[in-house]
Amino acid sequence: MSMYRSYLLKNNFWAKKGNEKMPNSEKVFIKHDSEVGGIYAIILNDKKGVKMMVEGKDYYFNNFDKLDSFLTRLQQRKDDFMKILRRKDISQKLRMLEI
């Protein structure tokens, strides 16, 4: 379980307050993304793995490579969204120039 905990903390997830008070309960980690919103990771005790909750959908991972790939795709979506916003902003400013 500590391997998933370390991985999530390294990827900017925050431990939910009260995780340490219940030793045998599932551990919850939270991350907020500007485009996706809240991303919840629950380290499962009965199954070895992590359940990710993103945009109301559940994803289960028991492999670090697949989990890493999933988080990378989420980050790529955010980067693409920000590029679109920047492009629209630049386009709007260029239209206002007096040429």
PDB file of N, CA and C in Angstrom:
ATOM      1  N   MET A   1       0.815  -1.188   0.000  1.00  0.00           N
ATOM      2  CA  MET A   1       0.000   0.000   0.000  1.00  0.00           C
ATOM      3  C   MET A   1       0.863   1.258   0.000  1.00  0.00           C
ATOM      4  N   SER A   2       1.983   1.241   0.624  1.00  0.00           N
ATOM      5  CA  SER A   2       2.819   2.435   0.705  1.00  0.00           C
ATOM      6  C   SER A   2       3.406   2.823  -0.650  1.00  0.00           C
ATOM      7  N   MET A   3       3.542   1.848  -1.556  1.00  0.00           N
ATOM      8  CA  MET A   3       4.052   2.182  -2.886  1.00  0.00           C
ATOM      9  C   MET A   3       3.059   3.082  -3.619  1.00  0.00           C
ATOM     10  N   TYR A   4       1.769   2.760  -3.538  1.00  0.00           N
ATOM     11  CA  TYR A   4       0.765   3.607  -4.169  1.00  0.00           C
ATOM     12  C   TYR A   4       0.684   4.963  -3.475  1.00  0.00           C
ATOM     13  N   ARG A   5       0.809   4.967  -2.173  1.00  0.00           N
ATOM     14  CA  ARG A   5       0.783   6.222  -1.420  1.00  0.00           C
ATOM     15  C   ARG A   5       1.917   7.136  -1.872  1.00  0.00           C
ATOM     16  N   SER A   6       3.117   6.594  -1.954  1.00  0.00           N
ATOM     17  CA  SER A   6       4.276   7.380  -2.392  1.00  0.00           C
ATOM     18  C   SER A   6       4.085   7.891  -3.814  1.00  0.00           C
ATOM     19  N   TYR A   7       3.557   7.040  -4.673  1.00  0.00           N
ATOM     20  CA  TYR A   7       3.341   7.414  -6.071  1.00  0.00           C
ATOM     21  C   TYR A   7       2.345   8.577  -6.168  1.00  0.00           C
ATOM     22  N   LEU A   8       1.251   8.477  -5.427  1.00  0.00           N
ATOM     23  CA  LEU A   8       0.242   9.532  -5.475  1.00  0.00           C
ATOM     24  C   LEU A   8       0.757  10.840  -4.909  1.00  0.00           C
ATOM     25  N   LEU A   9       1.496  10.775  -3.822  1.00  0.00           N
ATOM     26  CA  LEU A   9       2.060  11.995  -3.237  1.00  0.00           C
ATOM     27  C   LEU A   9       3.052  12.652  -4.193  1.00  0.00           C
ATOM     28  N   LYS A  10       3.816  11.817  -4.914  1.00  0.00           N
ATOM     29  CA  LYS A  10       4.768  12.345  -5.894  1.00  0.00           C
ATOM     30  C   LYS A  10       4.054  13.039  -7.055  1.00  0.00           C
ATOM     31  N   ASN A  11       2.829  12.610  -7.342  1.00  0.00           N
ATOM     32  CA  ASN A  11       2.057  13.175  -8.445  1.00  0.00           C
ATOM     33  C   ASN A  11       1.065  14.241  -7.976  1.00  0.00           C
ATOM     34  N   ASN A  12       1.410  14.917  -6.887  1.00  0.00           N
ATOM     35  CA  ASN A  12       0.666  16.077  -6.376  1.00  0.00           C
ATOM     36  C   ASN A  12      -0.735  15.769  -5.865  1.00  0.00           C
ATOM     37  N   PHE A  13      -0.965  14.559  -5.379  1.00  0.00           N
ATOM     38  CA  PHE A  13      -2.213  14.232  -4.700  1.00  0.00           C
ATOM     39  C   PHE A  13      -2.020  14.555  -3.225  1.00  0.00           C
ATOM     40  N   TRP A  14      -3.094  14.930  -2.573  1.00  0.00           N
ATOM     41  CA  TRP A  14      -3.064  15.239  -1.151  1.00  0.00           C
ATOM     42  C   TRP A  14      -3.858  14.181  -0.399  1.00  0.00           C
ATOM     43  N   ALA A  15      -3.344  13.758   0.739  1.00  0.00           N
ATOM     44  CA  ALA A  15      -4.054  12.789   1.573  1.00  0.00           C
ATOM     45  C   ALA A  15      -5.257  13.458   2.208  1.00  0.00           C
ATOM     46  N   LYS A  16      -6.385  12.767   2.214  1.00  0.00           N
ATOM     47  CA  LYS A  16      -7.598  13.283   2.849  1.00  0.00           C
ATOM     48  C   LYS A  16      -7.378  13.341   4.355  1.00  0.00           C
ATOM     49  N   LYS A  17      -7.860  14.388   4.943  1.00  0.00           N
ATOM     50  CA  LYS A  17      -7.722  14.557   6.381  1.00  0.00           C
ATOM     51  C   LYS A  17      -8.422  13.399   7.093  1.00  0.00           C
ATOM     52  N   GLY A  18      -7.761  12.794   8.045  1.00  0.00           N
ATOM     53  CA  GLY A  18      -8.327  11.689   8.800  1.00  0.00           C
ATOM     54  C   GLY A  18      -7.910  10.317   8.298  1.00  0.00           C
ATOM     55  N   ASN A  19      -7.111  10.258   7.216  1.00  0.00           N
ATOM     56  CA  ASN A  19      -6.639   8.966   6.688  1.00  0.00           C
ATOM     57  C   ASN A  19      -5.868   8.176   7.736  1.00  0.00           C
ATOM     58  N   GLU A  20      -5.072   8.874   8.524  1.00  0.00           N
ATOM     59  CA  GLU A  20      -4.192   8.191   9.472  1.00  0.00           C
ATOM     60  C   GLU A  20      -4.928   7.700  10.716  1.00  0.00           C
ATOM     61  N   LYS A  21      -6.123   8.200  10.953  1.00  0.00           N
ATOM     62  CA  LYS A  21      -6.859   7.831  12.167  1.00  0.00           C
ATOM     63  C   LYS A  21      -7.443   6.422  12.103  1.00  0.00           C
ATOM     64  N   MET A  22      -7.766   5.959  10.906  1.00  0.00           N
ATOM     65  CA  MET A  22      -8.341   4.623  10.747  1.00  0.00           C
ATOM     66  C   MET A  22      -7.342   3.731  10.022  1.00  0.00           C
ATOM     67  N   PRO A  23      -6.619   2.901  10.750  1.00  0.00           N
ATOM     68  CA  PRO A  23      -5.513   2.145  10.151  1.00  0.00           C
ATOM     69  C   PRO A  23      -5.922   1.109   9.099  1.00  0.00           C
ATOM     70  N   ASN A  24      -7.084   0.482   9.203  1.00  0.00           N
ATOM     71  CA  ASN A  24      -7.457  -0.570   8.264  1.00  0.00           C
ATOM     72  C   ASN A  24      -8.449  -0.108   7.197  1.00  0.00           C
ATOM     73  N   SER A  25      -8.761   1.171   7.163  1.00  0.00           N
ATOM     74  CA  SER A  25      -9.715   1.664   6.171  1.00  0.00           C
ATOM     75  C   SER A  25      -8.993   2.028   4.873  1.00  0.00           C
ATOM     76  N   GLU A  26      -9.777   2.234   3.831  1.00  0.00           N
ATOM     77  CA  GLU A  26      -9.216   2.638   2.551  1.00  0.00           C
ATOM     78  C   GLU A  26      -8.675   4.057   2.666  1.00  0.00           C
ATOM     79  N   LYS A  27      -7.567   4.311   2.032  1.00  0.00           N
ATOM     80  CA  LYS A  27      -6.942   5.631   2.080  1.00  0.00           C
ATOM     81  C   LYS A  27      -7.377   6.432   0.863  1.00  0.00           C
ATOM     82  N   VAL A  28      -7.791   7.674   1.104  1.00  0.00           N
ATOM     83  CA  VAL A  28      -8.294   8.539   0.038  1.00  0.00           C
ATOM     84  C   VAL A  28      -7.310   9.668  -0.208  1.00  0.00           C
ATOM     85  N   PHE A  29      -7.029   9.926  -1.496  1.00  0.00           N
ATOM     86  CA  PHE A  29      -6.150  11.011  -1.909  1.00  0.00           C
ATOM     87  C   PHE A  29      -6.895  11.867  -2.920  1.00  0.00           C
ATOM     88  N   ILE A  30      -6.645  13.168  -2.894  1.00  0.00           N
ATOM     89  CA  ILE A  30      -7.396  14.118  -3.701  1.00  0.00           C
ATOM     90  C   ILE A  30      -6.440  15.028  -4.462  1.00  0.00           C
ATOM     91  N   LYS A  31      -6.832  15.334  -5.699  1.00  0.00           N
ATOM     92  CA  LYS A  31      -6.081  16.293  -6.513  1.00  0.00           C
ATOM     93  C   LYS A  31      -7.102  17.122  -7.271  1.00  0.00           C
ATOM     94  N   HIS A  32      -6.875  18.417  -7.387  1.00  0.00           N
ATOM     95  CA  HIS A  32      -7.781  19.254  -8.166  1.00  0.00           C
ATOM     96  C   HIS A  32      -7.076  19.706  -9.431  1.00  0.00           C
ATOM     97  N   ASP A  33      -7.764  19.546 -10.536  1.00  0.00           N
ATOM     98  CA  ASP A  33      -7.240  19.918 -11.834  1.00  0.00           C
ATOM     99  C   ASP A  33      -8.116  21.027 -12.399  1.00  0.00           C
ATOM    100  N   SER A  34      -7.522  22.027 -13.035  1.00  0.00           N
ATOM    101  CA  SER A  34      -8.288  23.173 -13.517  1.00  0.00           C
ATOM    102  C   SER A  34      -9.289  22.806 -14.603  1.00  0.00           C
ATOM    103  N   GLU A  35      -9.025  21.797 -15.396  1.00  0.00           N
ATOM    104  CA  GLU A  35      -9.953  21.427 -16.464  1.00  0.00           C
ATOM    105  C   GLU A  35     -10.839  20.251 -16.081  1.00  0.00           C
ATOM    106  N   VAL A  36     -10.277  19.252 -15.433  1.00  0.00           N
ATOM    107  CA  VAL A  36     -11.013  18.034 -15.099  1.00  0.00           C
ATOM    108  C   VAL A  36     -11.830  18.212 -13.827  1.00  0.00           C
ATOM    109  N   GLY A  37     -11.325  18.977 -12.897  1.00  0.00           N
ATOM    110  CA  GLY A  37     -11.986  19.140 -11.609  1.00  0.00           C
ATOM    111  C   GLY A  37     -11.333  18.245 -10.580  1.00  0.00           C
ATOM    112  N   GLY A  38     -12.124  17.671  -9.701  1.00  0.00           N
ATOM    113  CA  GLY A  38     -11.584  16.816  -8.643  1.00  0.00           C
ATOM    114  C   GLY A  38     -11.227  15.435  -9.154  1.00  0.00           C
ATOM    115  N   ILE A  39     -10.064  14.967  -8.750  1.00  0.00           N
ATOM    116  CA  ILE A  39      -9.606  13.612  -9.058  1.00  0.00           C
ATOM    117  C   ILE A  39      -9.392  12.926  -7.719  1.00  0.00           C
ATOM    118  N   TYR A  40     -10.092  11.823  -7.518  1.00  0.00           N
ATOM    119  CA  TYR A  40     -10.005  11.097  -6.263  1.00  0.00           C
ATOM    120  C   TYR A  40      -9.334   9.757  -6.500  1.00  0.00           C
ATOM    121  N   ALA A  41      -8.401   9.417  -5.637  1.00  0.00           N
ATOM    122  CA  ALA A  41      -7.721   8.125  -5.699  1.00  0.00           C
ATOM    123  C   ALA A  41      -7.952   7.414  -4.368  1.00  0.00           C
ATOM    124  N   ILE A  42      -8.427   6.186  -4.454  1.00  0.00           N
ATOM    125  CA  ILE A  42      -8.684   5.400  -3.249  1.00  0.00           C
ATOM    126  C   ILE A  42      -7.816   4.155  -3.309  1.00  0.00           C
ATOM    127  N   ILE A  43      -6.924   4.016  -2.337  1.00  0.00           N
ATOM    128  CA  ILE A  43      -6.080   2.826  -2.263  1.00  0.00           C
ATOM    129  C   ILE A  43      -6.904   1.731  -1.605  1.00  0.00           C
ATOM    130  N   LEU A  44      -7.144   0.663  -2.341  1.00  0.00           N
ATOM    131  CA  LEU A  44      -8.017  -0.413  -1.877  1.00  0.00           C
ATOM    132  C   LEU A  44      -7.252  -1.400  -1.016  1.00  0.00           C
ATOM    133  N   ASN A  45      -7.872  -1.845   0.070  1.00  0.00           N
ATOM    134  CA  ASN A  45      -7.251  -2.823   0.964  1.00  0.00           C
ATOM    135  C   ASN A  45      -7.507  -4.248   0.509  1.00  0.00           C
ATOM    136  N   ASP A  46      -8.757  -4.553   0.135  1.00  0.00           N
ATOM    137  CA  ASP A  46      -9.098  -5.933  -0.218  1.00  0.00           C
ATOM    138  C   ASP A  46      -8.477  -6.364  -1.540  1.00  0.00           C
ATOM    139  N   LYS A  47      -8.433  -5.478  -2.518  1.00  0.00           N
ATOM    140  CA  LYS A  47      -7.765  -5.750  -3.790  1.00  0.00           C
ATOM    141  C   LYS A  47      -6.491  -4.920  -3.799  1.00  0.00           C
ATOM    142  N   LYS A  48      -5.490  -5.406  -4.410  1.00  0.00           N
ATOM    143  CA  LYS A  48      -4.259  -4.626  -4.511  1.00  0.00           C
ATOM    144  C   LYS A  48      -4.395  -3.683  -5.695  1.00  0.00           C
ATOM    145  N   GLY A  49      -4.513  -2.412  -5.411  1.00  0.00           N
ATOM    146  CA  GLY A  49      -4.643  -1.457  -6.490  1.00  0.00           C
ATOM    147  C   GLY A  49      -5.220  -0.132  -6.033  1.00  0.00           C
ATOM    148  N   VAL A  50      -5.543   0.696  -7.036  1.00  0.00           N
ATOM    149  CA  VAL A  50      -6.065   2.031  -6.799  1.00  0.00           C
ATOM    150  C   VAL A  50      -7.318   2.225  -7.644  1.00  0.00           C
ATOM    151  N   LYS A  51      -8.342   2.802  -7.028  1.00  0.00           N
ATOM    152  CA  LYS A  51      -9.541   3.165  -7.766  1.00  0.00           C
ATOM    153  C   LYS A  51      -9.503   4.673  -7.962  1.00  0.00           C
ATOM    154  N   MET A  52      -9.563   5.113  -9.216  1.00  0.00           N
ATOM    155  CA  MET A  52      -9.547   6.531  -9.542  1.00  0.00           C
ATOM    156  C   MET A  52     -10.966   6.953  -9.907  1.00  0.00           C
ATOM    157  N   MET A  53     -11.382   8.072  -9.380  1.00  0.00           N
ATOM    158  CA  MET A  53     -12.696   8.628  -9.703  1.00  0.00           C
ATOM    159  C   MET A  53     -12.483   9.983 -10.370  1.00  0.00           C
ATOM    160  N   VAL A  54     -12.823  10.034 -11.678  1.00  0.00           N
ATOM    161  CA  VAL A  54     -12.617  11.240 -12.472  1.00  0.00           C
ATOM    162  C   VAL A  54     -13.891  11.518 -13.256  1.00  0.00           C
ATOM    163  N   GLU A  55     -14.410  12.728 -13.142  1.00  0.00           N
ATOM    164  CA  GLU A  55     -15.603  13.157 -13.874  1.00  0.00           C
ATOM    165  C   GLU A  55     -16.768  12.185 -13.704  1.00  0.00           C
ATOM    166  N   GLY A  56     -16.936  11.650 -12.512  1.00  0.00           N
ATOM    167  CA  GLY A  56     -18.043  10.756 -12.217  1.00  0.00           C
ATOM    168  C   GLY A  56     -17.870   9.322 -12.689  1.00  0.00           C
ATOM    169  N   LYS A  57     -16.706   8.983 -13.199  1.00  0.00           N
ATOM    170  CA  LYS A  57     -16.439   7.614 -13.662  1.00  0.00           C
ATOM    171  C   LYS A  57     -15.363   6.990 -12.796  1.00  0.00           C
ATOM    172  N   ASP A  58     -15.484   5.671 -12.586  1.00  0.00           N
ATOM    173  CA  ASP A  58     -14.503   4.930 -11.789  1.00  0.00           C
ATOM    174  C   ASP A  58     -13.558   4.160 -12.702  1.00  0.00           C
ATOM    175  N   TYR A  59     -12.283   4.198 -12.368  1.00  0.00           N
ATOM    176  CA  TYR A  59     -11.254   3.449 -13.089  1.00  0.00           C
ATOM    177  C   TYR A  59     -10.439   2.687 -12.045  1.00  0.00           C
ATOM    178  N   TYR A  60     -10.147   1.426 -12.322  1.00  0.00           N
ATOM    179  CA  TYR A  60      -9.381   0.605 -11.383  1.00  0.00           C
ATOM    180  C   TYR A  60      -8.035   0.265 -12.004  1.00  0.00           C
ATOM    181  N   PHE A  61      -6.959   0.457 -11.242  1.00  0.00           N
ATOM    182  CA  PHE A  61      -5.604   0.169 -11.717  1.00  0.00           C
ATOM    183  C   PHE A  61      -4.876  -0.687 -10.697  1.00  0.00           C
ATOM    184  N   ASN A  62      -4.238  -1.747 -11.162  1.00  0.00           N
ATOM    185  CA  ASN A  62      -3.366  -2.542 -10.307  1.00  0.00           C
ATOM    186  C   ASN A  62      -1.979  -2.634 -10.922  1.00  0.00           C
ATOM    187  N   ASN A  63      -1.703  -1.721 -11.854  1.00  0.00           N
ATOM    188  CA  ASN A  63      -0.442  -1.684 -12.568  1.00  0.00           C
ATOM    189  C   ASN A  63       0.023  -0.220 -12.620  1.00  0.00           C
ATOM    190  N   PHE A  64       1.240   0.043 -12.182  1.00  0.00           N
ATOM    191  CA  PHE A  64       1.749   1.412 -12.147  1.00  0.00           C
ATOM    192  C   PHE A  64       1.862   2.024 -13.535  1.00  0.00           C
ATOM    193  N   ASP A  65       2.239   1.222 -14.530  1.00  0.00           N
ATOM    194  CA  ASP A  65       2.383   1.752 -15.888  1.00  0.00           C
ATOM    195  C   ASP A  65       1.054   2.263 -16.427  1.00  0.00           C
ATOM    196  N   LYS A  66      -0.012   1.489 -16.216  1.00  0.00           N
ATOM    197  CA  LYS A  66      -1.331   1.912 -16.692  1.00  0.00           C
ATOM    198  C   LYS A  66      -1.830   3.133 -15.923  1.00  0.00           C
ATOM    199  N   LEU A  67      -1.567   3.175 -14.636  1.00  0.00           N
ATOM    200  CA  LEU A  67      -1.948   4.326 -13.829  1.00  0.00           C
ATOM    201  C   LEU A  67      -1.198   5.575 -14.285  1.00  0.00           C
ATOM    202  N   ASP A  68       0.086   5.439 -14.535  1.00  0.00           N
ATOM    203  CA  ASP A  68       0.895   6.554 -15.005  1.00  0.00           C
ATOM    204  C   ASP A  68       0.420   7.036 -16.372  1.00  0.00           C
ATOM    205  N   SER A  69       0.102   6.108 -17.251  1.00  0.00           N
ATOM    206  CA  SER A  69      -0.402   6.457 -18.578  1.00  0.00           C
ATOM    207  C   SER A  69      -1.727   7.210 -18.475  1.00  0.00           C
ATOM    208  N   PHE A  70      -2.598   6.778 -17.588  1.00  0.00           N
ATOM    209  CA  PHE A  70      -3.887   7.426 -17.383  1.00  0.00           C
ATOM    210  C   PHE A  70      -3.703   8.864 -16.895  1.00  0.00           C
ATOM    211  N   LEU A  71      -2.842   9.058 -15.906  1.00  0.00           N
ATOM    212  CA  LEU A  71      -2.604  10.406 -15.386  1.00  0.00           C
ATOM    213  C   LEU A  71      -1.931  11.297 -16.427  1.00  0.00           C
ATOM    214  N   THR A  72      -1.076  10.720 -17.260  1.00  0.00           N
ATOM    215  CA  THR A  72      -0.426  11.480 -18.338  1.00  0.00           C
ATOM    216  C   THR A  72      -1.458  11.939 -19.358  1.00  0.00           C
ATOM    217  N   ARG A  73      -2.411  11.061 -19.709  1.00  0.00           N
ATOM    218  CA  ARG A  73      -3.472  11.442 -20.655  1.00  0.00           C
ATOM    219  C   ARG A  73      -4.340  12.569 -20.086  1.00  0.00           C
ATOM    220  N   LEU A  74      -4.617  12.517 -18.791  1.00  0.00           N
ATOM    221  CA  LEU A  74      -5.383  13.600 -18.169  1.00  0.00           C
ATOM    222  C   LEU A  74      -4.617  14.917 -18.253  1.00  0.00           C
ATOM    223  N   GLN A  75      -3.315  14.867 -18.013  1.00  0.00           N
ATOM    224  CA  GLN A  75      -2.479  16.068 -18.082  1.00  0.00           C
ATOM    225  C   GLN A  75      -2.422  16.595 -19.511  1.00  0.00           C
ATOM    226  N   GLN A  76      -2.327  15.698 -20.497  1.00  0.00           N
ATOM    227  CA  GLN A  76      -2.273  16.102 -21.902  1.00  0.00           C
ATOM    228  C   GLN A  76      -3.560  16.811 -22.302  1.00  0.00           C
ATOM    229  N   ARG A  77      -4.699  16.302 -21.822  1.00  0.00           N
ATOM    230  CA  ARG A  77      -5.985  16.949 -22.101  1.00  0.00           C
ATOM    231  C   ARG A  77      -6.001  18.366 -21.556  1.00  0.00           C
ATOM    232  N   LYS A  78      -5.450  18.537 -20.372  1.00  0.00           N
ATOM    233  CA  LYS A  78      -5.393  19.864 -19.753  1.00  0.00           C
ATOM    234  C   LYS A  78      -4.505  20.783 -20.582  1.00  0.00           C
ATOM    235  N   ASP A  79      -3.348  20.286 -21.016  1.00  0.00           N
ATOM    236  CA  ASP A  79      -2.425  21.094 -21.812  1.00  0.00           C
ATOM    237  C   ASP A  79      -3.067  21.506 -23.129  1.00  0.00           C
ATOM    238  N   ASP A  80      -3.781  20.593 -23.784  1.00  0.00           N
ATOM    239  CA  ASP A  80      -4.461  20.908 -25.037  1.00  0.00           C
ATOM    240  C   ASP A  80      -5.521  21.980 -24.822  1.00  0.00           C
ATOM    241  N   PHE A  81      -6.257  21.883 -23.725  1.00  0.00           N
ATOM    242  CA  PHE A  81      -7.282  22.864 -23.411  1.00  0.00           C
ATOM    243  C   PHE A  81      -6.665  24.245 -23.208  1.00  0.00           C
ATOM    244  N   MET A  82      -5.555  24.303 -22.502  1.00  0.00           N
ATOM    245  CA  MET A  82      -4.888  25.583 -22.246  1.00  0.00           C
ATOM    246  C   MET A  82      -4.338  26.178 -23.542  1.00  0.00           C
ATOM    247  N   LYS A  83      -3.848  25.351 -24.452  1.00  0.00           N
ATOM    248  CA  LYS A  83      -3.361  25.841 -25.746  1.00  0.00           C
ATOM    249  C   LYS A  83      -4.493  26.500 -26.519  1.00  0.00           C
ATOM    250  N   ILE A  84      -5.669  25.898 -26.496  1.00  0.00           N
ATOM    251  CA  ILE A  84      -6.826  26.463 -27.192  1.00  0.00           C
ATOM    252  C   ILE A  84      -7.194  27.815 -26.605  1.00  0.00           C
ATOM    253  N   LEU A  85      -7.200  27.906 -25.277  1.00  0.00           N
ATOM    254  CA  LEU A  85      -7.529  29.182 -24.630  1.00  0.00           C
ATOM    255  C   LEU A  85      -6.521  30.263 -24.979  1.00  0.00           C
ATOM    256  N   ARG A  86      -5.232  29.921 -24.965  1.00  0.00           N
ATOM    257  CA  ARG A  86      -4.190  30.894 -25.296  1.00  0.00           C
ATOM    258  C   ARG A  86      -4.313  31.351 -26.746  1.00  0.00           C
ATOM    259  N   ARG A  87      -4.587  30.398 -27.638  1.00  0.00           N
ATOM    260  CA  ARG A  87      -4.722  30.714 -29.059  1.00  0.00           C
ATOM    261  C   ARG A  87      -5.893  31.675 -29.273  1.00  0.00           C
ATOM    262  N   LYS A  88      -7.019  31.428 -28.612  1.00  0.00           N
ATOM    263  CA  LYS A  88      -8.178  32.315 -28.743  1.00  0.00           C
ATOM    264  C   LYS A  88      -7.865  33.704 -28.193  1.00  0.00           C
ATOM    265  N   ASP A  89      -7.153  33.757 -27.085  1.00  0.00           N
ATOM    266  CA  ASP A  89      -6.790  35.032 -26.474  1.00  0.00           C
ATOM    267  C   ASP A  89      -5.871  35.823 -27.397  1.00  0.00           C
ATOM    268  N   ILE A  90      -4.866  35.178 -27.952  1.00  0.00           N
ATOM    269  CA  ILE A  90      -3.927  35.851 -28.864  1.00  0.00           C
ATOM    270  C   ILE A  90      -4.650  36.321 -30.116  1.00  0.00           C
ATOM    271  N   SER A  91      -5.522  35.476 -30.638  1.00  0.00           N
ATOM    272  CA  SER A  91      -6.285  35.834 -31.837  1.00  0.00           C
ATOM    273  C   SER A  91      -7.148  37.065 -31.588  1.00  0.00           C
ATOM    274  N   GLN A  92      -7.782  37.103 -30.437  1.00  0.00           N
ATOM    275  CA  GLN A  92      -8.630  38.237 -30.103  1.00  0.00           C
ATOM    276  C   GLN A  92      -7.800  39.516 -29.978  1.00  0.00           C
ATOM    277  N   LYS A  93      -6.637  39.449 -29.380  1.00  0.00           N
ATOM    278  CA  LYS A  93      -5.776  40.628 -29.229  1.00  0.00           C
ATOM    279  C   LYS A  93      -5.251  41.101 -30.575  1.00  0.00           C
ATOM    280  N   LEU A  94      -4.921  40.164 -31.478  1.00  0.00           N
ATOM    281  CA  LEU A  94      -4.432  40.540 -32.796  1.00  0.00           C
ATOM    282  C   LEU A  94      -5.521  41.244 -33.617  1.00  0.00           C
ATOM    283  N   ARG A  95      -6.756  40.839 -33.454  1.00  0.00           N
ATOM    284  CA  ARG A  95      -7.868  41.470 -34.175  1.00  0.00           C
ATOM    285  C   ARG A  95      -8.099  42.910 -33.721  1.00  0.00           C
ATOM    286  N   MET A  96      -7.704  43.228 -32.524  1.00  0.00           N
ATOM    287  CA  MET A  96      -7.910  44.570 -31.995  1.00  0.00           C
ATOM    288  C   MET A  96      -6.797  45.533 -32.381  1.00  0.00           C
ATOM    289  N   LEU A  97      -5.711  45.039 -32.960  1.00  0.00           N
ATOM    290  CA  LEU A  97      -4.613  45.911 -33.388  1.00  0.00           C
ATOM    291  C   LEU A  97      -5.022  46.754 -34.579  1.00  0.00           C
ATOM    292  N   GLU A  98      -4.573  47.955 -34.594  1.00  0.00           N
ATOM    293  CA  GLU A  98      -4.839  48.842 -35.752  1.00  0.00           C
ATOM    294  C   GLU A  98      -3.677  48.694 -36.707  1.00  0.00           C
ATOM    295  N   ILE A  99      -3.987  48.117 -37.828  1.00  0.00           N
ATOM    296  CA  ILE A  99      -2.923  47.897 -38.828  1.00  0.00           C
ATOM    297  C   ILE A  99      -3.209  48.746 -40.043  1.00  0.00           C
TER     298      ILE A  99
END
